[in-house]
Amino acid sequence: MIKRFLSILTIVLAATFAMPQAALASVFTWSIHNLTFEVPDGGTVTYNSANHFEIMWNDMAIIITLYNKQGVNDKNTDIELQRRANDFNMYDTNMGKLKVKGFKCKTLDGTMPDGSRALLANLICDKKDLFITVTINYLLGNLEIAEDMVKSFTIGRQKVKEEKKQKVQTEADAKVQEEKLKKEAEEKKKPKKEYQTYDI
């Protein structure tokens, strides 16, 4: 895996274009596990199997691997993060945590030997027998994007069902409705986040 990642890294760093900061996202759903995550739009999928997924951009790459979580706990996820960092010969490393709904998430970020950055994350699913390792290689300045990718992991997509009831509109309701319409008109003027969805 290390050789494969380093070869992807070489291709990624050969390009000098900056990733566009537009609010476009691609949503991938790993159907067999009902696992969904978001990444910036425009990436090229370089590997896709039942338990391994890779996608790369001009200045970033992400590798996701799935395992069962039997025997996995906070202590050995820390050890596993440090081992992966050692395998990459990373330095200036920092351990951390991210809030990911439905998962316990530990992270390690640091510098790669070529000067690029890497964010390693381990996610233990609360409800499923699922342990996820994420490796994101990026250029300086893209840490927030890398963290957002990790934070986007979720089991399925929860839809909120609204119960609709007919009622007589009062004057107070009319004022509330008027304010709501004004806010919606203002929101329409703002650029909206667009998604492309995929099953993998």
Protein backbone atom coordinates (compact mmCIF):
# COMPACT_ATOMS: atom_id res chain seq x y z
CA MET A 1 0.00 0.00 0.00
CA ILE A 2 2.86 2.38 0.84
CA LYS A 3 4.45 2.00 -2.62
CA ARG A 4 1.07 2.52 -4.28
CA PHE A 5 0.39 5.63 -2.19
CA LEU A 6 3.83 7.09 -2.90
CA SER A 7 3.37 6.54 -6.64
CA ILE A 8 0.02 8.36 -6.47
CA LEU A 9 1.70 11.07 -4.41
CA THR A 10 4.37 11.55 -7.07
CA ILE A 11 1.71 12.00 -9.77
CA VAL A 12 -0.25 14.40 -7.58
CA LEU A 13 2.73 16.57 -6.72
CA ALA A 14 3.89 16.69 -10.33
CA ALA A 15 0.92 18.98 -11.01
CA THR A 16 1.09 22.55 -9.76
CA PHE A 17 -2.53 23.63 -10.16
CA ALA A 18 -4.45 24.79 -7.09
CA MET A 19 -7.68 23.00 -6.23
CA PRO A 20 -10.63 25.27 -6.98
CA GLN A 21 -12.26 26.60 -3.81
CA ALA A 22 -15.79 26.41 -5.29
CA ALA A 23 -18.54 24.90 -3.20
CA LEU A 24 -18.87 21.81 -5.39
CA ALA A 25 -18.85 18.35 -3.84
CA SER A 26 -19.12 14.76 -4.95
CA VAL A 27 -21.03 12.41 -2.63
CA PHE A 28 -20.00 8.75 -2.70
CA THR A 29 -22.05 5.98 -1.11
CA TRP A 30 -20.42 2.64 -0.40
CA SER A 31 -23.68 0.77 -0.94
CA ILE A 32 -22.65 -2.55 0.62
CA HIS A 33 -21.91 -0.78 3.93
CA ASN A 34 -24.40 2.11 3.53
CA LEU A 35 -21.44 4.41 4.11
CA THR A 36 -21.53 7.92 2.63
CA PHE A 37 -18.80 10.55 2.41
CA GLU A 38 -18.18 13.82 0.56
CA VAL A 39 -15.11 14.94 -1.35
CA PRO A 40 -14.36 17.97 -3.55
CA ASP A 41 -15.71 17.67 -7.08
CA GLY A 42 -13.49 16.86 -10.05
CA GLY A 43 -11.44 14.01 -8.61
CA THR A 44 -10.38 10.91 -10.55
CA VAL A 45 -11.14 7.52 -8.97
CA THR A 46 -7.94 5.48 -9.24
CA TYR A 47 -8.98 2.36 -7.29
CA ASN A 48 -12.35 0.96 -6.20
CA SER A 49 -13.06 -2.38 -4.54
CA ALA A 50 -15.32 -3.79 -1.82
CA ASN A 51 -13.04 -2.55 0.96
CA HIS A 52 -10.63 -0.04 -0.65
CA PHE A 53 -11.19 3.27 -2.45
CA GLU A 54 -8.80 5.88 -3.85
CA ILE A 55 -9.45 9.22 -5.52
CA MET A 56 -7.01 11.95 -6.55
CA TRP A 57 -7.02 15.58 -7.64
CA ASN A 58 -4.28 17.89 -8.91
CA ASP A 59 -3.04 18.67 -5.40
CA MET A 60 -4.65 16.04 -3.17
CA ALA A 61 -5.27 12.29 -2.85
CA ILE A 62 -7.39 10.22 -0.45
CA ILE A 63 -7.18 6.51 0.33
CA ILE A 64 -9.96 4.80 2.31
CA THR A 65 -9.75 1.22 3.59
CA LEU A 66 -12.48 -0.67 5.49
CA TYR A 67 -11.96 -3.38 8.12
CA ASN A 68 -14.13 -5.03 10.76
CA LYS A 69 -13.68 -3.43 14.17
CA GLN A 70 -13.26 -6.60 16.23
CA GLY A 71 -10.63 -5.92 18.89
CA VAL A 72 -10.17 -2.26 17.87
CA ASN A 73 -10.04 0.28 20.71
CA ASP A 74 -8.73 3.80 21.40
CA LYS A 75 -5.27 2.58 22.43
CA ASN A 76 -4.53 0.41 19.39
CA THR A 77 -5.97 3.01 16.97
CA ASP A 78 -3.39 5.48 18.34
CA ILE A 79 -0.66 2.88 17.82
CA GLU A 80 -1.91 2.15 14.28
CA LEU A 81 -1.87 5.88 13.40
CA GLN A 82 1.71 6.20 14.65
CA ARG A 83 2.75 3.07 12.73
CA ARG A 84 1.32 4.45 9.49
CA ALA A 85 3.07 7.78 10.09
CA ASN A 86 6.36 5.90 10.65
CA ASP A 87 5.82 3.91 7.43
CA PHE A 88 5.53 7.22 5.54
CA ASN A 89 8.54 8.68 7.42
CA MET A 90 6.33 11.60 8.51
CA TYR A 91 7.72 14.22 10.87
CA ASP A 92 6.33 17.16 12.91
CA THR A 93 3.30 14.98 13.67
CA ASN A 94 0.37 15.92 15.90
CA MET A 95 -2.30 13.61 17.30
CA GLY A 96 -5.86 14.91 17.43
CA LYS A 97 -9.58 14.14 17.29
CA LEU A 98 -12.40 15.15 14.98
CA LYS A 99 -16.14 15.09 15.67
CA VAL A 100 -17.70 12.67 13.21
CA LYS A 101 -21.35 11.76 13.78
CA GLY A 102 -21.71 8.04 14.49
CA PHE A 103 -17.93 7.43 14.77
CA LYS A 104 -15.07 7.75 17.22
CA CYS A 105 -12.32 9.50 15.25
CA LYS A 106 -8.63 9.87 16.03
CA THR A 107 -6.29 11.76 13.67
CA LEU A 108 -2.63 12.38 13.09
CA ASP A 109 -1.33 15.09 10.79
CA GLY A 110 2.22 15.90 9.81
CA THR A 111 4.74 16.52 7.07
CA MET A 112 5.81 13.98 4.46
CA PRO A 113 9.49 13.63 3.42
CA ASP A 114 8.80 15.56 0.16
CA GLY A 115 7.38 18.54 2.09
CA SER A 116 3.71 17.82 1.39
CA ARG A 117 1.28 17.27 4.24
CA ALA A 118 -0.77 14.23 5.28
CA LEU A 119 -3.79 13.68 7.50
CA LEU A 120 -4.29 10.15 8.80
CA ALA A 121 -7.60 9.25 10.45
CA ASN A 122 -9.07 6.17 12.11
CA LEU A 123 -12.85 5.97 12.46
CA ILE A 124 -14.60 3.37 14.61
CA CYS A 125 -18.31 3.08 13.79
CA ASP A 126 -20.65 3.16 16.79
CA LYS A 127 -23.41 1.01 15.28
CA LYS A 128 -21.74 -1.21 12.66
CA ASP A 129 -18.84 -3.63 12.64
CA LEU A 130 -16.76 -1.12 10.73
CA PHE A 131 -13.28 0.33 11.21
CA ILE A 132 -12.17 2.86 8.58
CA THR A 133 -8.66 4.12 7.90
CA VAL A 134 -8.33 7.33 5.89
CA THR A 135 -5.09 8.71 4.44
CA ILE A 136 -5.21 12.15 2.80
CA ASN A 137 -2.15 13.66 1.17
CA TYR A 138 -2.45 17.37 0.41
CA LEU A 139 -0.48 20.53 -0.22
CA LEU A 140 -0.09 23.16 2.49
CA GLY A 141 -3.25 25.20 2.99
CA ASN A 142 -5.71 22.36 2.35
CA LEU A 143 -5.94 20.99 5.91
CA GLU A 144 -9.49 22.31 6.36
CA ILE A 145 -10.63 20.54 3.17
CA ALA A 146 -8.97 17.31 4.34
CA GLU A 147 -10.66 17.53 7.76
CA ASP A 148 -14.03 18.26 6.12
CA MET A 149 -13.69 15.05 4.08
CA VAL A 150 -13.14 13.03 7.26
CA LYS A 151 -15.99 14.78 9.10
CA SER A 152 -18.39 14.03 6.24
CA PHE A 153 -18.41 10.25 6.86
CA THR A 154 -21.86 9.02 7.84
CA ILE A 155 -23.86 5.82 7.84
CA GLY A 156 -26.64 6.42 5.31
CA ARG A 157 -28.47 9.68 4.81
CA GLN A 158 -31.03 10.61 7.43
CA LYS A 159 -34.11 12.31 5.97
CA VAL A 160 -36.26 14.44 8.23
CA LYS A 161 -39.94 13.84 7.56
CA GLU A 162 -42.13 16.84 8.18
CA GLU A 163 -45.72 16.28 9.22
CA LYS A 164 -47.86 18.70 7.23
CA LYS A 165 -51.12 19.91 8.72
CA GLN A 166 -53.61 22.34 7.22
CA LYS A 167 -54.45 25.32 9.42
CA VAL A 168 -56.09 28.71 9.22
CA GLN A 169 -53.55 31.49 8.78
CA THR A 170 -53.57 34.21 11.46
CA GLU A 171 -52.10 37.70 11.13
CA ALA A 172 -49.09 36.61 13.18
CA ASP A 173 -48.63 33.61 10.86
CA ALA A 174 -48.79 35.93 7.85
CA LYS A 175 -45.98 38.09 9.26
CA VAL A 176 -43.85 34.99 9.95
CA GLN A 177 -44.50 33.77 6.41
CA GLU A 178 -43.51 37.15 4.96
CA GLU A 179 -40.20 37.10 6.90
CA LYS A 180 -39.58 33.54 5.77
CA LEU A 181 -40.09 34.47 2.13
CA LYS A 182 -37.66 37.39 2.49
CA LYS A 183 -35.01 35.08 3.96
CA GLU A 184 -35.55 32.51 1.21
CA ALA A 185 -35.15 35.22 -1.43
CA GLU A 186 -31.85 36.28 0.19
CA GLU A 187 -30.67 32.66 0.37
CA LYS A 188 -31.38 32.18 -3.35
CA LYS A 189 -28.95 35.00 -4.09
CA LYS A 190 -26.15 33.09 -2.31
CA PRO A 191 -24.23 30.40 -4.27
CA LYS A 192 -25.55 26.95 -3.40
CA LYS A 193 -23.46 23.87 -2.75
CA GLU A 194 -23.87 21.44 -5.60
CA TYR A 195 -23.49 17.66 -5.34
CA GLN A 196 -22.80 14.80 -7.65
CA THR A 197 -23.68 11.42 -6.15
CA TYR A 198 -22.16 8.03 -6.88
CA ASP A 199 -22.59 4.46 -5.67
CA ILE A 200 -19.23 2.67 -5.27
